[in-house]
Amino acid sequence: MRAAVVLCLALLPAAPALAASPCEELWGERNAVYAEAGYCFKTQRAISAFGNVNCRFSDIRDVPLSARDRAKVGEIVREESRNGCRE
């Protein structure tokens, strides 16, 4: 019986307080695209999360994104707006 209780508890979803907020997840997804493309982050938050070791572009407009990545970033920005994430 005790094993069944432990198993049931293991199958419960994680507590919402432990999950990242939608805004945090979207921020991370959007900036991961830019990090992968070589953007040099300016905020301490982004530098801490992604670093600037392999950065090559200081101006976000110069970052060479594929059409697919631009579309992905656009969708993320729209989702951030819908969630009230963007300043």
N, C-alpha and C. Protein backbone atom coordinates (compact mmCIF):
# COMPACT_ATOMS: atom_id res chain seq x y z
N MET A 1 0.83 -1.19 0.00
CA MET A 1 0.00 0.00 0.00
C MET A 1 0.86 1.25 0.00
N ARG A 2 1.92 1.28 0.81
CA ARG A 2 2.80 2.44 0.89
C ARG A 2 3.45 2.74 -0.45
N ALA A 3 3.86 1.72 -1.18
CA ALA A 3 4.47 1.91 -2.50
C ALA A 3 3.48 2.54 -3.47
N ALA A 4 2.22 2.17 -3.36
CA ALA A 4 1.19 2.73 -4.24
C ALA A 4 1.02 4.22 -3.97
N VAL A 5 1.09 4.63 -2.71
CA VAL A 5 0.95 6.04 -2.37
C VAL A 5 2.13 6.83 -2.93
N VAL A 6 3.33 6.30 -2.78
CA VAL A 6 4.52 6.97 -3.30
C VAL A 6 4.42 7.09 -4.81
N LEU A 7 3.98 6.03 -5.48
CA LEU A 7 3.85 6.05 -6.93
C LEU A 7 2.82 7.09 -7.35
N CYS A 8 1.70 7.17 -6.65
CA CYS A 8 0.67 8.16 -6.99
C CYS A 8 1.20 9.57 -6.82
N LEU A 9 1.93 9.83 -5.77
CA LEU A 9 2.50 11.15 -5.56
C LEU A 9 3.50 11.51 -6.66
N ALA A 10 4.25 10.53 -7.12
CA ALA A 10 5.23 10.77 -8.17
C ALA A 10 4.56 11.14 -9.49
N LEU A 11 3.32 10.73 -9.68
CA LEU A 11 2.62 11.01 -10.93
C LEU A 11 1.90 12.35 -10.93
N LEU A 12 1.83 13.01 -9.78
CA LEU A 12 1.17 14.31 -9.72
C LEU A 12 1.99 15.35 -10.48
N PRO A 13 1.32 16.32 -11.12
CA PRO A 13 2.07 17.37 -11.83
C PRO A 13 2.83 18.24 -10.84
N ALA A 14 3.86 18.89 -11.31
CA ALA A 14 4.64 19.78 -10.46
C ALA A 14 3.77 20.93 -9.98
N ALA A 15 4.08 21.42 -8.82
CA ALA A 15 3.32 22.55 -8.27
C ALA A 15 3.52 23.77 -9.16
N PRO A 16 2.46 24.53 -9.41
CA PRO A 16 2.56 25.71 -10.27
C PRO A 16 3.63 26.69 -9.81
N ALA A 17 3.85 26.81 -8.51
CA ALA A 17 4.85 27.75 -8.01
C ALA A 17 6.25 27.37 -8.46
N LEU A 18 6.47 26.10 -8.76
CA LEU A 18 7.79 25.65 -9.18
C LEU A 18 8.01 25.83 -10.68
N ALA A 19 6.94 25.98 -11.43
CA ALA A 19 7.06 26.12 -12.88
C ALA A 19 7.37 27.58 -13.23
N ALA A 20 8.13 27.77 -14.31
CA ALA A 20 8.42 29.13 -14.77
C ALA A 20 7.15 29.76 -15.31
N SER A 21 7.05 31.06 -15.16
CA SER A 21 5.88 31.76 -15.68
C SER A 21 5.92 31.75 -17.20
N PRO A 22 4.77 31.91 -17.84
CA PRO A 22 4.76 31.97 -19.32
C PRO A 22 5.68 33.07 -19.83
N CYS A 23 5.72 34.19 -19.14
CA CYS A 23 6.57 35.30 -19.58
C CYS A 23 8.05 34.92 -19.51
N GLU A 24 8.43 34.23 -18.47
CA GLU A 24 9.83 33.79 -18.34
C GLU A 24 10.19 32.80 -19.44
N GLU A 25 9.29 31.88 -19.70
CA GLU A 25 9.54 30.89 -20.76
C GLU A 25 9.65 31.55 -22.13
N LEU A 26 8.75 32.47 -22.41
CA LEU A 26 8.77 33.17 -23.70
C LEU A 26 10.03 34.01 -23.84
N TRP A 27 10.41 34.71 -22.78
CA TRP A 27 11.63 35.50 -22.78
C TRP A 27 12.83 34.61 -23.11
N GLY A 28 12.88 33.47 -22.46
CA GLY A 28 13.98 32.54 -22.70
C GLY A 28 14.00 32.00 -24.12
N GLU A 29 12.84 31.65 -24.63
CA GLU A 29 12.76 31.13 -26.01
C GLU A 29 13.20 32.18 -27.02
N ARG A 30 12.71 33.41 -26.85
CA ARG A 30 13.05 34.49 -27.78
C ARG A 30 14.54 34.79 -27.74
N ASN A 31 15.08 34.91 -26.56
CA ASN A 31 16.49 35.26 -26.45
C ASN A 31 17.42 34.11 -26.81
N ALA A 32 16.94 32.88 -26.69
CA ALA A 32 17.75 31.74 -27.13
C ALA A 32 17.98 31.80 -28.64
N VAL A 33 16.99 32.26 -29.37
CA VAL A 33 17.14 32.41 -30.83
C VAL A 33 18.25 33.41 -31.12
N TYR A 34 18.20 34.54 -30.43
CA TYR A 34 19.22 35.57 -30.64
C TYR A 34 20.60 35.12 -30.16
N ALA A 35 20.66 34.41 -29.05
CA ALA A 35 21.94 33.92 -28.55
C ALA A 35 22.58 32.96 -29.56
N GLU A 36 21.78 32.07 -30.10
CA GLU A 36 22.27 31.10 -31.07
C GLU A 36 22.82 31.79 -32.32
N ALA A 37 22.23 32.94 -32.65
CA ALA A 37 22.63 33.68 -33.86
C ALA A 37 23.81 34.64 -33.60
N GLY A 38 24.25 34.75 -32.35
CA GLY A 38 25.43 35.55 -32.05
C GLY A 38 25.19 36.95 -31.51
N TYR A 39 24.01 37.21 -30.97
CA TYR A 39 23.73 38.54 -30.42
C TYR A 39 24.51 38.76 -29.13
N CYS A 40 25.03 39.97 -28.95
CA CYS A 40 25.73 40.37 -27.73
C CYS A 40 24.73 41.03 -26.79
N PHE A 41 24.37 40.34 -25.74
CA PHE A 41 23.36 40.85 -24.81
C PHE A 41 23.91 42.00 -23.99
N LYS A 42 23.02 42.89 -23.60
CA LYS A 42 23.40 44.08 -22.85
C LYS A 42 22.93 44.06 -21.40
N THR A 43 21.82 43.36 -21.12
CA THR A 43 21.31 43.34 -19.75
C THR A 43 21.99 42.23 -18.95
N GLN A 44 22.13 42.47 -17.67
CA GLN A 44 22.75 41.47 -16.81
C GLN A 44 21.94 40.18 -16.78
N ARG A 45 20.63 40.33 -16.82
CA ARG A 45 19.75 39.15 -16.82
C ARG A 45 20.06 38.24 -18.01
N ALA A 46 20.14 38.83 -19.20
CA ALA A 46 20.40 38.04 -20.41
C ALA A 46 21.83 37.52 -20.44
N ILE A 47 22.77 38.34 -20.00
CA ILE A 47 24.16 37.88 -19.98
C ILE A 47 24.31 36.71 -19.02
N SER A 48 23.64 36.79 -17.88
CA SER A 48 23.69 35.69 -16.91
C SER A 48 23.08 34.42 -17.48
N ALA A 49 22.00 34.58 -18.24
CA ALA A 49 21.30 33.41 -18.78
C ALA A 49 22.01 32.82 -20.00
N PHE A 50 22.54 33.66 -20.87
CA PHE A 50 23.07 33.18 -22.15
C PHE A 50 24.55 33.44 -22.35
N GLY A 51 25.11 34.39 -21.63
CA GLY A 51 26.51 34.75 -21.81
C GLY A 51 26.73 35.52 -23.09
N ASN A 52 27.95 35.97 -23.27
CA ASN A 52 28.32 36.71 -24.46
C ASN A 52 29.62 36.17 -25.06
N VAL A 53 29.98 34.96 -24.72
CA VAL A 53 31.26 34.40 -25.15
C VAL A 53 31.38 34.36 -26.67
N ASN A 54 30.38 33.92 -27.36
CA ASN A 54 30.44 33.79 -28.82
C ASN A 54 29.63 34.85 -29.55
N CYS A 55 29.41 35.98 -28.90
CA CYS A 55 28.60 37.01 -29.55
C CYS A 55 29.40 37.74 -30.63
N ARG A 56 28.66 38.18 -31.65
CA ARG A 56 29.29 38.88 -32.77
C ARG A 56 28.54 40.13 -33.19
N PHE A 57 27.30 40.31 -32.72
CA PHE A 57 26.45 41.40 -33.18
C PHE A 57 25.93 42.21 -32.00
N SER A 58 26.32 43.47 -31.94
CA SER A 58 25.89 44.35 -30.84
C SER A 58 24.52 44.97 -31.12
N ASP A 59 24.18 45.10 -32.37
CA ASP A 59 22.89 45.68 -32.74
C ASP A 59 21.96 44.54 -33.16
N ILE A 60 20.84 44.43 -32.49
CA ILE A 60 19.91 43.32 -32.76
C ILE A 60 19.44 43.31 -34.21
N ARG A 61 19.42 44.47 -34.85
CA ARG A 61 19.01 44.55 -36.25
C ARG A 61 20.02 43.91 -37.19
N ASP A 62 21.25 43.73 -36.72
CA ASP A 62 22.30 43.13 -37.54
C ASP A 62 22.37 41.60 -37.41
N VAL A 63 21.63 41.05 -36.47
CA VAL A 63 21.68 39.60 -36.23
C VAL A 63 21.07 38.88 -37.43
N PRO A 64 21.84 38.01 -38.08
CA PRO A 64 21.34 37.31 -39.27
C PRO A 64 20.43 36.14 -38.91
N LEU A 65 19.14 36.39 -38.88
CA LEU A 65 18.18 35.33 -38.58
C LEU A 65 17.59 34.79 -39.88
N SER A 66 17.36 33.50 -39.90
CA SER A 66 16.68 32.90 -41.05
C SER A 66 15.23 33.35 -41.03
N ALA A 67 14.55 33.15 -42.14
CA ALA A 67 13.12 33.48 -42.20
C ALA A 67 12.36 32.71 -41.13
N ARG A 68 12.74 31.47 -40.92
CA ARG A 68 12.07 30.64 -39.91
C ARG A 68 12.28 31.21 -38.51
N ASP A 69 13.53 31.63 -38.21
CA ASP A 69 13.81 32.20 -36.89
C ASP A 69 13.10 33.54 -36.71
N ARG A 70 13.05 34.36 -37.76
CA ARG A 70 12.33 35.64 -37.67
C ARG A 70 10.85 35.40 -37.40
N ALA A 71 10.27 34.41 -38.07
CA ALA A 71 8.87 34.08 -37.83
C ALA A 71 8.66 33.59 -36.40
N LYS A 72 9.58 32.78 -35.91
CA LYS A 72 9.49 32.27 -34.55
C LYS A 72 9.55 33.41 -33.54
N VAL A 73 10.51 34.32 -33.73
CA VAL A 73 10.63 35.47 -32.83
C VAL A 73 9.37 36.32 -32.90
N GLY A 74 8.83 36.53 -34.10
CA GLY A 74 7.60 37.31 -34.25
C GLY A 74 6.45 36.69 -33.48
N GLU A 75 6.31 35.39 -33.57
CA GLU A 75 5.23 34.70 -32.85
C GLU A 75 5.44 34.80 -31.34
N ILE A 76 6.68 34.67 -30.89
CA ILE A 76 6.97 34.78 -29.46
C ILE A 76 6.63 36.18 -28.97
N VAL A 77 7.01 37.20 -29.73
CA VAL A 77 6.72 38.59 -29.35
C VAL A 77 5.21 38.81 -29.26
N ARG A 78 4.47 38.27 -30.21
CA ARG A 78 3.00 38.40 -30.16
C ARG A 78 2.44 37.69 -28.93
N GLU A 79 2.96 36.52 -28.63
CA GLU A 79 2.50 35.78 -27.45
C GLU A 79 2.87 36.53 -26.16
N GLU A 80 4.04 37.12 -26.13
CA GLU A 80 4.42 37.93 -24.97
C GLU A 80 3.44 39.09 -24.79
N SER A 81 3.07 39.74 -25.88
CA SER A 81 2.11 40.83 -25.81
C SER A 81 0.75 40.35 -25.31
N ARG A 82 0.29 39.21 -25.83
CA ARG A 82 -1.00 38.66 -25.38
C ARG A 82 -0.99 38.33 -23.91
N ASN A 83 0.18 37.95 -23.38
CA ASN A 83 0.30 37.61 -21.97
C ASN A 83 0.67 38.80 -21.10
N GLY A 84 0.81 39.97 -21.69
CA GLY A 84 1.18 41.16 -20.93
C GLY A 84 2.61 41.14 -20.46
N CYS A 85 3.47 40.43 -21.18
CA CYS A 85 4.87 40.28 -20.77
C CYS A 85 5.75 41.44 -21.17
N ARG A 86 5.46 42.03 -22.30
CA ARG A 86 6.35 43.04 -22.87
C ARG A 86 6.10 44.39 -22.20
N GLU A 87 7.21 45.11 -22.00
CA GLU A 87 7.12 46.44 -21.38
C GLU A 87 6.48 47.39 -22.35
